[in-house]
Amino acid sequence: PGPRDYPGPSPLSEPEAKALAEFTA
């Protein structure tokens, strides 16, 4: 983790990204 460029432990691990992906689908 840091200010930028850390992709996380796995795809869509973060609730914000997951919410946007699910809404898009």
PDBML (XML) file of the C-alpha atoms, coordinates in Angstrom:
<?xml version="1.0" encoding="UTF-8" ?>
<PDBx:datablock datablockName="MODEL"
   xmlns:PDBx="http://pdbml.pdb.org/schema/pdbx-v50.xsd"
   xmlns:xsi="http://www.w3.org/2001/XMLSchema-instance"
   xsi:schemaLocation="http://pdbml.pdb.org/schema/pdbx-v50.xsd pdbx-v50.xsd">
   <PDBx:atom_siteCategory>
      <PDBx:atom_site id="1">
         <PDBx:B_iso_or_equiv>0.00</PDBx:B_iso_or_equiv>
         <PDBx:Cartn_x>0.000</PDBx:Cartn_x>
         <PDBx:Cartn_y>0.000</PDBx:Cartn_y>
         <PDBx:Cartn_z>0.000</PDBx:Cartn_z>
         <PDBx:auth_asym_id>A</PDBx:auth_asym_id>
         <PDBx:auth_atom_id>CA</PDBx:auth_atom_id>
         <PDBx:auth_comp_id>PRO</PDBx:auth_comp_id>
         <PDBx:auth_seq_id>1</PDBx:auth_seq_id>
         <PDBx:group_PDB>ATOM</PDBx:group_PDB>
         <PDBx:label_alt_id xsi:nil="true" />
         <PDBx:label_asym_id>A</PDBx:label_asym_id>
         <PDBx:label_atom_id>CA</PDBx:label_atom_id>
         <PDBx:label_comp_id>PRO</PDBx:label_comp_id>
         <PDBx:label_entity_id>1</PDBx:label_entity_id>
         <PDBx:label_seq_id>1</PDBx:label_seq_id>
         <PDBx:occupancy>1.00</PDBx:occupancy>
         <PDBx:pdbx_PDB_model_num>1</PDBx:pdbx_PDB_model_num>
         <PDBx:type_symbol>C</PDBx:type_symbol>
      </PDBx:atom_site>
      <PDBx:atom_site id="2">
         <PDBx:B_iso_or_equiv>0.00</PDBx:B_iso_or_equiv>
         <PDBx:Cartn_x>1.008</PDBx:Cartn_x>
         <PDBx:Cartn_y>3.581</PDBx:Cartn_y>
         <PDBx:Cartn_z>-0.703</PDBx:Cartn_z>
         <PDBx:auth_asym_id>A</PDBx:auth_asym_id>
         <PDBx:auth_atom_id>CA</PDBx:auth_atom_id>
         <PDBx:auth_comp_id>GLY</PDBx:auth_comp_id>
         <PDBx:auth_seq_id>2</PDBx:auth_seq_id>
         <PDBx:group_PDB>ATOM</PDBx:group_PDB>
         <PDBx:label_alt_id xsi:nil="true" />
         <PDBx:label_asym_id>A</PDBx:label_asym_id>
         <PDBx:label_atom_id>CA</PDBx:label_atom_id>
         <PDBx:label_comp_id>GLY</PDBx:label_comp_id>
         <PDBx:label_entity_id>1</PDBx:label_entity_id>
         <PDBx:label_seq_id>2</PDBx:label_seq_id>
         <PDBx:occupancy>1.00</PDBx:occupancy>
         <PDBx:pdbx_PDB_model_num>1</PDBx:pdbx_PDB_model_num>
         <PDBx:type_symbol>C</PDBx:type_symbol>
      </PDBx:atom_site>
      <PDBx:atom_site id="3">
         <PDBx:B_iso_or_equiv>0.00</PDBx:B_iso_or_equiv>
         <PDBx:Cartn_x>-0.031</PDBx:Cartn_x>
         <PDBx:Cartn_y>6.871</PDBx:Cartn_y>
         <PDBx:Cartn_z>-2.297</PDBx:Cartn_z>
         <PDBx:auth_asym_id>A</PDBx:auth_asym_id>
         <PDBx:auth_atom_id>CA</PDBx:auth_atom_id>
         <PDBx:auth_comp_id>PRO</PDBx:auth_comp_id>
         <PDBx:auth_seq_id>3</PDBx:auth_seq_id>
         <PDBx:group_PDB>ATOM</PDBx:group_PDB>
         <PDBx:label_alt_id xsi:nil="true" />
         <PDBx:label_asym_id>A</PDBx:label_asym_id>
         <PDBx:label_atom_id>CA</PDBx:label_atom_id>
         <PDBx:label_comp_id>PRO</PDBx:label_comp_id>
         <PDBx:label_entity_id>1</PDBx:label_entity_id>
         <PDBx:label_seq_id>3</PDBx:label_seq_id>
         <PDBx:occupancy>1.00</PDBx:occupancy>
         <PDBx:pdbx_PDB_model_num>1</PDBx:pdbx_PDB_model_num>
         <PDBx:type_symbol>C</PDBx:type_symbol>
      </PDBx:atom_site>
      <PDBx:atom_site id="4">
         <PDBx:B_iso_or_equiv>0.00</PDBx:B_iso_or_equiv>
         <PDBx:Cartn_x>-0.290</PDBx:Cartn_x>
         <PDBx:Cartn_y>5.381</PDBx:Cartn_y>
         <PDBx:Cartn_z>-5.809</PDBx:Cartn_z>
         <PDBx:auth_asym_id>A</PDBx:auth_asym_id>
         <PDBx:auth_atom_id>CA</PDBx:auth_atom_id>
         <PDBx:auth_comp_id>ARG</PDBx:auth_comp_id>
         <PDBx:auth_seq_id>4</PDBx:auth_seq_id>
         <PDBx:group_PDB>ATOM</PDBx:group_PDB>
         <PDBx:label_alt_id xsi:nil="true" />
         <PDBx:label_asym_id>A</PDBx:label_asym_id>
         <PDBx:label_atom_id>CA</PDBx:label_atom_id>
         <PDBx:label_comp_id>ARG</PDBx:label_comp_id>
         <PDBx:label_entity_id>1</PDBx:label_entity_id>
         <PDBx:label_seq_id>4</PDBx:label_seq_id>
         <PDBx:occupancy>1.00</PDBx:occupancy>
         <PDBx:pdbx_PDB_model_num>1</PDBx:pdbx_PDB_model_num>
         <PDBx:type_symbol>C</PDBx:type_symbol>
      </PDBx:atom_site>
      <PDBx:atom_site id="5">
         <PDBx:B_iso_or_equiv>0.00</PDBx:B_iso_or_equiv>
         <PDBx:Cartn_x>0.278</PDBx:Cartn_x>
         <PDBx:Cartn_y>2.422</PDBx:Cartn_y>
         <PDBx:Cartn_z>-8.139</PDBx:Cartn_z>
         <PDBx:auth_asym_id>A</PDBx:auth_asym_id>
         <PDBx:auth_atom_id>CA</PDBx:auth_atom_id>
         <PDBx:auth_comp_id>ASP</PDBx:auth_comp_id>
         <PDBx:auth_seq_id>5</PDBx:auth_seq_id>
         <PDBx:group_PDB>ATOM</PDBx:group_PDB>
         <PDBx:label_alt_id xsi:nil="true" />
         <PDBx:label_asym_id>A</PDBx:label_asym_id>
         <PDBx:label_atom_id>CA</PDBx:label_atom_id>
         <PDBx:label_comp_id>ASP</PDBx:label_comp_id>
         <PDBx:label_entity_id>1</PDBx:label_entity_id>
         <PDBx:label_seq_id>5</PDBx:label_seq_id>
         <PDBx:occupancy>1.00</PDBx:occupancy>
         <PDBx:pdbx_PDB_model_num>1</PDBx:pdbx_PDB_model_num>
         <PDBx:type_symbol>C</PDBx:type_symbol>
      </PDBx:atom_site>
      <PDBx:atom_site id="6">
         <PDBx:B_iso_or_equiv>0.00</PDBx:B_iso_or_equiv>
         <PDBx:Cartn_x>-0.434</PDBx:Cartn_x>
         <PDBx:Cartn_y>-0.461</PDBx:Cartn_y>
         <PDBx:Cartn_z>-5.727</PDBx:Cartn_z>
         <PDBx:auth_asym_id>A</PDBx:auth_asym_id>
         <PDBx:auth_atom_id>CA</PDBx:auth_atom_id>
         <PDBx:auth_comp_id>TYR</PDBx:auth_comp_id>
         <PDBx:auth_seq_id>6</PDBx:auth_seq_id>
         <PDBx:group_PDB>ATOM</PDBx:group_PDB>
         <PDBx:label_alt_id xsi:nil="true" />
         <PDBx:label_asym_id>A</PDBx:label_asym_id>
         <PDBx:label_atom_id>CA</PDBx:label_atom_id>
         <PDBx:label_comp_id>TYR</PDBx:label_comp_id>
         <PDBx:label_entity_id>1</PDBx:label_entity_id>
         <PDBx:label_seq_id>6</PDBx:label_seq_id>
         <PDBx:occupancy>1.00</PDBx:occupancy>
         <PDBx:pdbx_PDB_model_num>1</PDBx:pdbx_PDB_model_num>
         <PDBx:type_symbol>C</PDBx:type_symbol>
      </PDBx:atom_site>
      <PDBx:atom_site id="7">
         <PDBx:B_iso_or_equiv>0.00</PDBx:B_iso_or_equiv>
         <PDBx:Cartn_x>-2.986</PDBx:Cartn_x>
         <PDBx:Cartn_y>-2.700</PDBx:Cartn_y>
         <PDBx:Cartn_z>-7.524</PDBx:Cartn_z>
         <PDBx:auth_asym_id>A</PDBx:auth_asym_id>
         <PDBx:auth_atom_id>CA</PDBx:auth_atom_id>
         <PDBx:auth_comp_id>PRO</PDBx:auth_comp_id>
         <PDBx:auth_seq_id>7</PDBx:auth_seq_id>
         <PDBx:group_PDB>ATOM</PDBx:group_PDB>
         <PDBx:label_alt_id xsi:nil="true" />
         <PDBx:label_asym_id>A</PDBx:label_asym_id>
         <PDBx:label_atom_id>CA</PDBx:label_atom_id>
         <PDBx:label_comp_id>PRO</PDBx:label_comp_id>
         <PDBx:label_entity_id>1</PDBx:label_entity_id>
         <PDBx:label_seq_id>7</PDBx:label_seq_id>
         <PDBx:occupancy>1.00</PDBx:occupancy>
         <PDBx:pdbx_PDB_model_num>1</PDBx:pdbx_PDB_model_num>
         <PDBx:type_symbol>C</PDBx:type_symbol>
      </PDBx:atom_site>
      <PDBx:atom_site id="8">
         <PDBx:B_iso_or_equiv>0.00</PDBx:B_iso_or_equiv>
         <PDBx:Cartn_x>-4.093</PDBx:Cartn_x>
         <PDBx:Cartn_y>-4.398</PDBx:Cartn_y>
         <PDBx:Cartn_z>-4.308</PDBx:Cartn_z>
         <PDBx:auth_asym_id>A</PDBx:auth_asym_id>
         <PDBx:auth_atom_id>CA</PDBx:auth_atom_id>
         <PDBx:auth_comp_id>GLY</PDBx:auth_comp_id>
         <PDBx:auth_seq_id>8</PDBx:auth_seq_id>
         <PDBx:group_PDB>ATOM</PDBx:group_PDB>
         <PDBx:label_alt_id xsi:nil="true" />
         <PDBx:label_asym_id>A</PDBx:label_asym_id>
         <PDBx:label_atom_id>CA</PDBx:label_atom_id>
         <PDBx:label_comp_id>GLY</PDBx:label_comp_id>
         <PDBx:label_entity_id>1</PDBx:label_entity_id>
         <PDBx:label_seq_id>8</PDBx:label_seq_id>
         <PDBx:occupancy>1.00</PDBx:occupancy>
         <PDBx:pdbx_PDB_model_num>1</PDBx:pdbx_PDB_model_num>
         <PDBx:type_symbol>C</PDBx:type_symbol>
      </PDBx:atom_site>
      <PDBx:atom_site id="9">
         <PDBx:B_iso_or_equiv>0.00</PDBx:B_iso_or_equiv>
         <PDBx:Cartn_x>-3.885</PDBx:Cartn_x>
         <PDBx:Cartn_y>-8.041</PDBx:Cartn_y>
         <PDBx:Cartn_z>-3.221</PDBx:Cartn_z>
         <PDBx:auth_asym_id>A</PDBx:auth_asym_id>
         <PDBx:auth_atom_id>CA</PDBx:auth_atom_id>
         <PDBx:auth_comp_id>PRO</PDBx:auth_comp_id>
         <PDBx:auth_seq_id>9</PDBx:auth_seq_id>
         <PDBx:group_PDB>ATOM</PDBx:group_PDB>
         <PDBx:label_alt_id xsi:nil="true" />
         <PDBx:label_asym_id>A</PDBx:label_asym_id>
         <PDBx:label_atom_id>CA</PDBx:label_atom_id>
         <PDBx:label_comp_id>PRO</PDBx:label_comp_id>
         <PDBx:label_entity_id>1</PDBx:label_entity_id>
         <PDBx:label_seq_id>9</PDBx:label_seq_id>
         <PDBx:occupancy>1.00</PDBx:occupancy>
         <PDBx:pdbx_PDB_model_num>1</PDBx:pdbx_PDB_model_num>
         <PDBx:type_symbol>C</PDBx:type_symbol>
      </PDBx:atom_site>
      <PDBx:atom_site id="10">
         <PDBx:B_iso_or_equiv>0.00</PDBx:B_iso_or_equiv>
         <PDBx:Cartn_x>-6.307</PDBx:Cartn_x>
         <PDBx:Cartn_y>-9.178</PDBx:Cartn_y>
         <PDBx:Cartn_z>-5.946</PDBx:Cartn_z>
         <PDBx:auth_asym_id>A</PDBx:auth_asym_id>
         <PDBx:auth_atom_id>CA</PDBx:auth_atom_id>
         <PDBx:auth_comp_id>SER</PDBx:auth_comp_id>
         <PDBx:auth_seq_id>10</PDBx:auth_seq_id>
         <PDBx:group_PDB>ATOM</PDBx:group_PDB>
         <PDBx:label_alt_id xsi:nil="true" />
         <PDBx:label_asym_id>A</PDBx:label_asym_id>
         <PDBx:label_atom_id>CA</PDBx:label_atom_id>
         <PDBx:label_comp_id>SER</PDBx:label_comp_id>
         <PDBx:label_entity_id>1</PDBx:label_entity_id>
         <PDBx:label_seq_id>10</PDBx:label_seq_id>
         <PDBx:occupancy>1.00</PDBx:occupancy>
         <PDBx:pdbx_PDB_model_num>1</PDBx:pdbx_PDB_model_num>
         <PDBx:type_symbol>C</PDBx:type_symbol>
      </PDBx:atom_site>
      <PDBx:atom_site id="11">
         <PDBx:B_iso_or_equiv>0.00</PDBx:B_iso_or_equiv>
         <PDBx:Cartn_x>-8.621</PDBx:Cartn_x>
         <PDBx:Cartn_y>-7.734</PDBx:Cartn_y>
         <PDBx:Cartn_z>-8.603</PDBx:Cartn_z>
         <PDBx:auth_asym_id>A</PDBx:auth_asym_id>
         <PDBx:auth_atom_id>CA</PDBx:auth_atom_id>
         <PDBx:auth_comp_id>PRO</PDBx:auth_comp_id>
         <PDBx:auth_seq_id>11</PDBx:auth_seq_id>
         <PDBx:group_PDB>ATOM</PDBx:group_PDB>
         <PDBx:label_alt_id xsi:nil="true" />
         <PDBx:label_asym_id>A</PDBx:label_asym_id>
         <PDBx:label_atom_id>CA</PDBx:label_atom_id>
         <PDBx:label_comp_id>PRO</PDBx:label_comp_id>
         <PDBx:label_entity_id>1</PDBx:label_entity_id>
         <PDBx:label_seq_id>11</PDBx:label_seq_id>
         <PDBx:occupancy>1.00</PDBx:occupancy>
         <PDBx:pdbx_PDB_model_num>1</PDBx:pdbx_PDB_model_num>
         <PDBx:type_symbol>C</PDBx:type_symbol>
      </PDBx:atom_site>
      <PDBx:atom_site id="12">
         <PDBx:B_iso_or_equiv>0.00</PDBx:B_iso_or_equiv>
         <PDBx:Cartn_x>-11.665</PDBx:Cartn_x>
         <PDBx:Cartn_y>-5.955</PDBx:Cartn_y>
         <PDBx:Cartn_z>-7.155</PDBx:Cartn_z>
         <PDBx:auth_asym_id>A</PDBx:auth_asym_id>
         <PDBx:auth_atom_id>CA</PDBx:auth_atom_id>
         <PDBx:auth_comp_id>LEU</PDBx:auth_comp_id>
         <PDBx:auth_seq_id>12</PDBx:auth_seq_id>
         <PDBx:group_PDB>ATOM</PDBx:group_PDB>
         <PDBx:label_alt_id xsi:nil="true" />
         <PDBx:label_asym_id>A</PDBx:label_asym_id>
         <PDBx:label_atom_id>CA</PDBx:label_atom_id>
         <PDBx:label_comp_id>LEU</PDBx:label_comp_id>
         <PDBx:label_entity_id>1</PDBx:label_entity_id>
         <PDBx:label_seq_id>12</PDBx:label_seq_id>
         <PDBx:occupancy>1.00</PDBx:occupancy>
         <PDBx:pdbx_PDB_model_num>1</PDBx:pdbx_PDB_model_num>
         <PDBx:type_symbol>C</PDBx:type_symbol>
      </PDBx:atom_site>
      <PDBx:atom_site id="13">
         <PDBx:B_iso_or_equiv>0.00</PDBx:B_iso_or_equiv>
         <PDBx:Cartn_x>-10.421</PDBx:Cartn_x>
         <PDBx:Cartn_y>-6.419</PDBx:Cartn_y>
         <PDBx:Cartn_z>-3.590</PDBx:Cartn_z>
         <PDBx:auth_asym_id>A</PDBx:auth_asym_id>
         <PDBx:auth_atom_id>CA</PDBx:auth_atom_id>
         <PDBx:auth_comp_id>SER</PDBx:auth_comp_id>
         <PDBx:auth_seq_id>13</PDBx:auth_seq_id>
         <PDBx:group_PDB>ATOM</PDBx:group_PDB>
         <PDBx:label_alt_id xsi:nil="true" />
         <PDBx:label_asym_id>A</PDBx:label_asym_id>
         <PDBx:label_atom_id>CA</PDBx:label_atom_id>
         <PDBx:label_comp_id>SER</PDBx:label_comp_id>
         <PDBx:label_entity_id>1</PDBx:label_entity_id>
         <PDBx:label_seq_id>13</PDBx:label_seq_id>
         <PDBx:occupancy>1.00</PDBx:occupancy>
         <PDBx:pdbx_PDB_model_num>1</PDBx:pdbx_PDB_model_num>
         <PDBx:type_symbol>C</PDBx:type_symbol>
      </PDBx:atom_site>
      <PDBx:atom_site id="14">
         <PDBx:B_iso_or_equiv>0.00</PDBx:B_iso_or_equiv>
         <PDBx:Cartn_x>-11.553</PDBx:Cartn_x>
         <PDBx:Cartn_y>-2.884</PDBx:Cartn_y>
         <PDBx:Cartn_z>-2.762</PDBx:Cartn_z>
         <PDBx:auth_asym_id>A</PDBx:auth_asym_id>
         <PDBx:auth_atom_id>CA</PDBx:auth_atom_id>
         <PDBx:auth_comp_id>GLU</PDBx:auth_comp_id>
         <PDBx:auth_seq_id>14</PDBx:auth_seq_id>
         <PDBx:group_PDB>ATOM</PDBx:group_PDB>
         <PDBx:label_alt_id xsi:nil="true" />
         <PDBx:label_asym_id>A</PDBx:label_asym_id>
         <PDBx:label_atom_id>CA</PDBx:label_atom_id>
         <PDBx:label_comp_id>GLU</PDBx:label_comp_id>
         <PDBx:label_entity_id>1</PDBx:label_entity_id>
         <PDBx:label_seq_id>14</PDBx:label_seq_id>
         <PDBx:occupancy>1.00</PDBx:occupancy>
         <PDBx:pdbx_PDB_model_num>1</PDBx:pdbx_PDB_model_num>
         <PDBx:type_symbol>C</PDBx:type_symbol>
      </PDBx:atom_site>
      <PDBx:atom_site id="15">
         <PDBx:B_iso_or_equiv>0.00</PDBx:B_iso_or_equiv>
         <PDBx:Cartn_x>-15.244</PDBx:Cartn_x>
         <PDBx:Cartn_y>-2.149</PDBx:Cartn_y>
         <PDBx:Cartn_z>-2.205</PDBx:Cartn_z>
         <PDBx:auth_asym_id>A</PDBx:auth_asym_id>
         <PDBx:auth_atom_id>CA</PDBx:auth_atom_id>
         <PDBx:auth_comp_id>PRO</PDBx:auth_comp_id>
         <PDBx:auth_seq_id>15</PDBx:auth_seq_id>
         <PDBx:group_PDB>ATOM</PDBx:group_PDB>
         <PDBx:label_alt_id xsi:nil="true" />
         <PDBx:label_asym_id>A</PDBx:label_asym_id>
         <PDBx:label_atom_id>CA</PDBx:label_atom_id>
         <PDBx:label_comp_id>PRO</PDBx:label_comp_id>
         <PDBx:label_entity_id>1</PDBx:label_entity_id>
         <PDBx:label_seq_id>15</PDBx:label_seq_id>
         <PDBx:occupancy>1.00</PDBx:occupancy>
         <PDBx:pdbx_PDB_model_num>1</PDBx:pdbx_PDB_model_num>
         <PDBx:type_symbol>C</PDBx:type_symbol>
      </PDBx:atom_site>
      <PDBx:atom_site id="16">
         <PDBx:B_iso_or_equiv>0.00</PDBx:B_iso_or_equiv>
         <PDBx:Cartn_x>-15.163</PDBx:Cartn_x>
         <PDBx:Cartn_y>0.989</PDBx:Cartn_y>
         <PDBx:Cartn_z>-4.357</PDBx:Cartn_z>
         <PDBx:auth_asym_id>A</PDBx:auth_asym_id>
         <PDBx:auth_atom_id>CA</PDBx:auth_atom_id>
         <PDBx:auth_comp_id>GLU</PDBx:auth_comp_id>
         <PDBx:auth_seq_id>16</PDBx:auth_seq_id>
         <PDBx:group_PDB>ATOM</PDBx:group_PDB>
         <PDBx:label_alt_id xsi:nil="true" />
         <PDBx:label_asym_id>A</PDBx:label_asym_id>
         <PDBx:label_atom_id>CA</PDBx:label_atom_id>
         <PDBx:label_comp_id>GLU</PDBx:label_comp_id>
         <PDBx:label_entity_id>1</PDBx:label_entity_id>
         <PDBx:label_seq_id>16</PDBx:label_seq_id>
         <PDBx:occupancy>1.00</PDBx:occupancy>
         <PDBx:pdbx_PDB_model_num>1</PDBx:pdbx_PDB_model_num>
         <PDBx:type_symbol>C</PDBx:type_symbol>
      </PDBx:atom_site>
      <PDBx:atom_site id="17">
         <PDBx:B_iso_or_equiv>0.00</PDBx:B_iso_or_equiv>
         <PDBx:Cartn_x>-13.847</PDBx:Cartn_x>
         <PDBx:Cartn_y>-0.840</PDBx:Cartn_y>
         <PDBx:Cartn_z>-7.451</PDBx:Cartn_z>
         <PDBx:auth_asym_id>A</PDBx:auth_asym_id>
         <PDBx:auth_atom_id>CA</PDBx:auth_atom_id>
         <PDBx:auth_comp_id>ALA</PDBx:auth_comp_id>
         <PDBx:auth_seq_id>17</PDBx:auth_seq_id>
         <PDBx:group_PDB>ATOM</PDBx:group_PDB>
         <PDBx:label_alt_id xsi:nil="true" />
         <PDBx:label_asym_id>A</PDBx:label_asym_id>
         <PDBx:label_atom_id>CA</PDBx:label_atom_id>
         <PDBx:label_comp_id>ALA</PDBx:label_comp_id>
         <PDBx:label_entity_id>1</PDBx:label_entity_id>
         <PDBx:label_seq_id>17</PDBx:label_seq_id>
         <PDBx:occupancy>1.00</PDBx:occupancy>
         <PDBx:pdbx_PDB_model_num>1</PDBx:pdbx_PDB_model_num>
         <PDBx:type_symbol>C</PDBx:type_symbol>
      </PDBx:atom_site>
      <PDBx:atom_site id="18">
         <PDBx:B_iso_or_equiv>0.00</PDBx:B_iso_or_equiv>
         <PDBx:Cartn_x>-16.125</PDBx:Cartn_x>
         <PDBx:Cartn_y>-3.796</PDBx:Cartn_y>
         <PDBx:Cartn_z>-6.827</PDBx:Cartn_z>
         <PDBx:auth_asym_id>A</PDBx:auth_asym_id>
         <PDBx:auth_atom_id>CA</PDBx:auth_atom_id>
         <PDBx:auth_comp_id>LYS</PDBx:auth_comp_id>
         <PDBx:auth_seq_id>18</PDBx:auth_seq_id>
         <PDBx:group_PDB>ATOM</PDBx:group_PDB>
         <PDBx:label_alt_id xsi:nil="true" />
         <PDBx:label_asym_id>A</PDBx:label_asym_id>
         <PDBx:label_atom_id>CA</PDBx:label_atom_id>
         <PDBx:label_comp_id>LYS</PDBx:label_comp_id>
         <PDBx:label_entity_id>1</PDBx:label_entity_id>
         <PDBx:label_seq_id>18</PDBx:label_seq_id>
         <PDBx:occupancy>1.00</PDBx:occupancy>
         <PDBx:pdbx_PDB_model_num>1</PDBx:pdbx_PDB_model_num>
         <PDBx:type_symbol>C</PDBx:type_symbol>
      </PDBx:atom_site>
      <PDBx:atom_site id="19">
         <PDBx:B_iso_or_equiv>0.00</PDBx:B_iso_or_equiv>
         <PDBx:Cartn_x>-19.201</PDBx:Cartn_x>
         <PDBx:Cartn_y>-1.564</PDBx:Cartn_y>
         <PDBx:Cartn_z>-6.555</PDBx:Cartn_z>
         <PDBx:auth_asym_id>A</PDBx:auth_asym_id>
         <PDBx:auth_atom_id>CA</PDBx:auth_atom_id>
         <PDBx:auth_comp_id>ALA</PDBx:auth_comp_id>
         <PDBx:auth_seq_id>19</PDBx:auth_seq_id>
         <PDBx:group_PDB>ATOM</PDBx:group_PDB>
         <PDBx:label_alt_id xsi:nil="true" />
         <PDBx:label_asym_id>A</PDBx:label_asym_id>
         <PDBx:label_atom_id>CA</PDBx:label_atom_id>
         <PDBx:label_comp_id>ALA</PDBx:label_comp_id>
         <PDBx:label_entity_id>1</PDBx:label_entity_id>
         <PDBx:label_seq_id>19</PDBx:label_seq_id>
         <PDBx:occupancy>1.00</PDBx:occupancy>
         <PDBx:pdbx_PDB_model_num>1</PDBx:pdbx_PDB_model_num>
         <PDBx:type_symbol>C</PDBx:type_symbol>
      </PDBx:atom_site>
      <PDBx:atom_site id="20">
         <PDBx:B_iso_or_equiv>0.00</PDBx:B_iso_or_equiv>
         <PDBx:Cartn_x>-18.391</PDBx:Cartn_x>
         <PDBx:Cartn_y>0.168</PDBx:Cartn_y>
         <PDBx:Cartn_z>-9.848</PDBx:Cartn_z>
         <PDBx:auth_asym_id>A</PDBx:auth_asym_id>
         <PDBx:auth_atom_id>CA</PDBx:auth_atom_id>
         <PDBx:auth_comp_id>LEU</PDBx:auth_comp_id>
         <PDBx:auth_seq_id>20</PDBx:auth_seq_id>
         <PDBx:group_PDB>ATOM</PDBx:group_PDB>
         <PDBx:label_alt_id xsi:nil="true" />
         <PDBx:label_asym_id>A</PDBx:label_asym_id>
         <PDBx:label_atom_id>CA</PDBx:label_atom_id>
         <PDBx:label_comp_id>LEU</PDBx:label_comp_id>
         <PDBx:label_entity_id>1</PDBx:label_entity_id>
         <PDBx:label_seq_id>20</PDBx:label_seq_id>
         <PDBx:occupancy>1.00</PDBx:occupancy>
         <PDBx:pdbx_PDB_model_num>1</PDBx:pdbx_PDB_model_num>
         <PDBx:type_symbol>C</PDBx:type_symbol>
      </PDBx:atom_site>
      <PDBx:atom_site id="21">
         <PDBx:B_iso_or_equiv>0.00</PDBx:B_iso_or_equiv>
         <PDBx:Cartn_x>-17.733</PDBx:Cartn_x>
         <PDBx:Cartn_y>-3.123</PDBx:Cartn_y>
         <PDBx:Cartn_z>-11.643</PDBx:Cartn_z>
         <PDBx:auth_asym_id>A</PDBx:auth_asym_id>
         <PDBx:auth_atom_id>CA</PDBx:auth_atom_id>
         <PDBx:auth_comp_id>ALA</PDBx:auth_comp_id>
         <PDBx:auth_seq_id>21</PDBx:auth_seq_id>
         <PDBx:group_PDB>ATOM</PDBx:group_PDB>
         <PDBx:label_alt_id xsi:nil="true" />
         <PDBx:label_asym_id>A</PDBx:label_asym_id>
         <PDBx:label_atom_id>CA</PDBx:label_atom_id>
         <PDBx:label_comp_id>ALA</PDBx:label_comp_id>
         <PDBx:label_entity_id>1</PDBx:label_entity_id>
         <PDBx:label_seq_id>21</PDBx:label_seq_id>
         <PDBx:occupancy>1.00</PDBx:occupancy>
         <PDBx:pdbx_PDB_model_num>1</PDBx:pdbx_PDB_model_num>
         <PDBx:type_symbol>C</PDBx:type_symbol>
      </PDBx:atom_site>
      <PDBx:atom_site id="22">
         <PDBx:B_iso_or_equiv>0.00</PDBx:B_iso_or_equiv>
         <PDBx:Cartn_x>-20.965</PDBx:Cartn_x>
         <PDBx:Cartn_y>-4.693</PDBx:Cartn_y>
         <PDBx:Cartn_z>-10.380</PDBx:Cartn_z>
         <PDBx:auth_asym_id>A</PDBx:auth_asym_id>
         <PDBx:auth_atom_id>CA</PDBx:auth_atom_id>
         <PDBx:auth_comp_id>GLU</PDBx:auth_comp_id>
         <PDBx:auth_seq_id>22</PDBx:auth_seq_id>
         <PDBx:group_PDB>ATOM</PDBx:group_PDB>
         <PDBx:label_alt_id xsi:nil="true" />
         <PDBx:label_asym_id>A</PDBx:label_asym_id>
         <PDBx:label_atom_id>CA</PDBx:label_atom_id>
         <PDBx:label_comp_id>GLU</PDBx:label_comp_id>
         <PDBx:label_entity_id>1</PDBx:label_entity_id>
         <PDBx:label_seq_id>22</PDBx:label_seq_id>
         <PDBx:occupancy>1.00</PDBx:occupancy>
         <PDBx:pdbx_PDB_model_num>1</PDBx:pdbx_PDB_model_num>
         <PDBx:type_symbol>C</PDBx:type_symbol>
      </PDBx:atom_site>
      <PDBx:atom_site id="23">
         <PDBx:B_iso_or_equiv>0.00</PDBx:B_iso_or_equiv>
         <PDBx:Cartn_x>-22.970</PDBx:Cartn_x>
         <PDBx:Cartn_y>-1.600</PDBx:Cartn_y>
         <PDBx:Cartn_z>-11.304</PDBx:Cartn_z>
         <PDBx:auth_asym_id>A</PDBx:auth_asym_id>
         <PDBx:auth_atom_id>CA</PDBx:auth_atom_id>
         <PDBx:auth_comp_id>PHE</PDBx:auth_comp_id>
         <PDBx:auth_seq_id>23</PDBx:auth_seq_id>
         <PDBx:group_PDB>ATOM</PDBx:group_PDB>
         <PDBx:label_alt_id xsi:nil="true" />
         <PDBx:label_asym_id>A</PDBx:label_asym_id>
         <PDBx:label_atom_id>CA</PDBx:label_atom_id>
         <PDBx:label_comp_id>PHE</PDBx:label_comp_id>
         <PDBx:label_entity_id>1</PDBx:label_entity_id>
         <PDBx:label_seq_id>23</PDBx:label_seq_id>
         <PDBx:occupancy>1.00</PDBx:occupancy>
         <PDBx:pdbx_PDB_model_num>1</PDBx:pdbx_PDB_model_num>
         <PDBx:type_symbol>C</PDBx:type_symbol>
      </PDBx:atom_site>
      <PDBx:atom_site id="24">
         <PDBx:B_iso_or_equiv>0.00</PDBx:B_iso_or_equiv>
         <PDBx:Cartn_x>-21.455</PDBx:Cartn_x>
         <PDBx:Cartn_y>-1.637</PDBx:Cartn_y>
         <PDBx:Cartn_z>-14.800</PDBx:Cartn_z>
         <PDBx:auth_asym_id>A</PDBx:auth_asym_id>
         <PDBx:auth_atom_id>CA</PDBx:auth_atom_id>
         <PDBx:auth_comp_id>THR</PDBx:auth_comp_id>
         <PDBx:auth_seq_id>24</PDBx:auth_seq_id>
         <PDBx:group_PDB>ATOM</PDBx:group_PDB>
         <PDBx:label_alt_id xsi:nil="true" />
         <PDBx:label_asym_id>A</PDBx:label_asym_id>
         <PDBx:label_atom_id>CA</PDBx:label_atom_id>
         <PDBx:label_comp_id>THR</PDBx:label_comp_id>
         <PDBx:label_entity_id>1</PDBx:label_entity_id>
         <PDBx:label_seq_id>24</PDBx:label_seq_id>
         <PDBx:occupancy>1.00</PDBx:occupancy>
         <PDBx:pdbx_PDB_model_num>1</PDBx:pdbx_PDB_model_num>
         <PDBx:type_symbol>C</PDBx:type_symbol>
      </PDBx:atom_site>
      <PDBx:atom_site id="25">
         <PDBx:B_iso_or_equiv>0.00</PDBx:B_iso_or_equiv>
         <PDBx:Cartn_x>-22.262</PDBx:Cartn_x>
         <PDBx:Cartn_y>-5.315</PDBx:Cartn_y>
         <PDBx:Cartn_z>-15.297</PDBx:Cartn_z>
         <PDBx:auth_asym_id>A</PDBx:auth_asym_id>
         <PDBx:auth_atom_id>CA</PDBx:auth_atom_id>
         <PDBx:auth_comp_id>ALA</PDBx:auth_comp_id>
         <PDBx:auth_seq_id>25</PDBx:auth_seq_id>
         <PDBx:group_PDB>ATOM</PDBx:group_PDB>
         <PDBx:label_alt_id xsi:nil="true" />
         <PDBx:label_asym_id>A</PDBx:label_asym_id>
         <PDBx:label_atom_id>CA</PDBx:label_atom_id>
         <PDBx:label_comp_id>ALA</PDBx:label_comp_id>
         <PDBx:label_entity_id>1</PDBx:label_entity_id>
         <PDBx:label_seq_id>25</PDBx:label_seq_id>
         <PDBx:occupancy>1.00</PDBx:occupancy>
         <PDBx:pdbx_PDB_model_num>1</PDBx:pdbx_PDB_model_num>
         <PDBx:type_symbol>C</PDBx:type_symbol>
      </PDBx:atom_site>
   </PDBx:atom_siteCategory>
</PDBx:datablock>
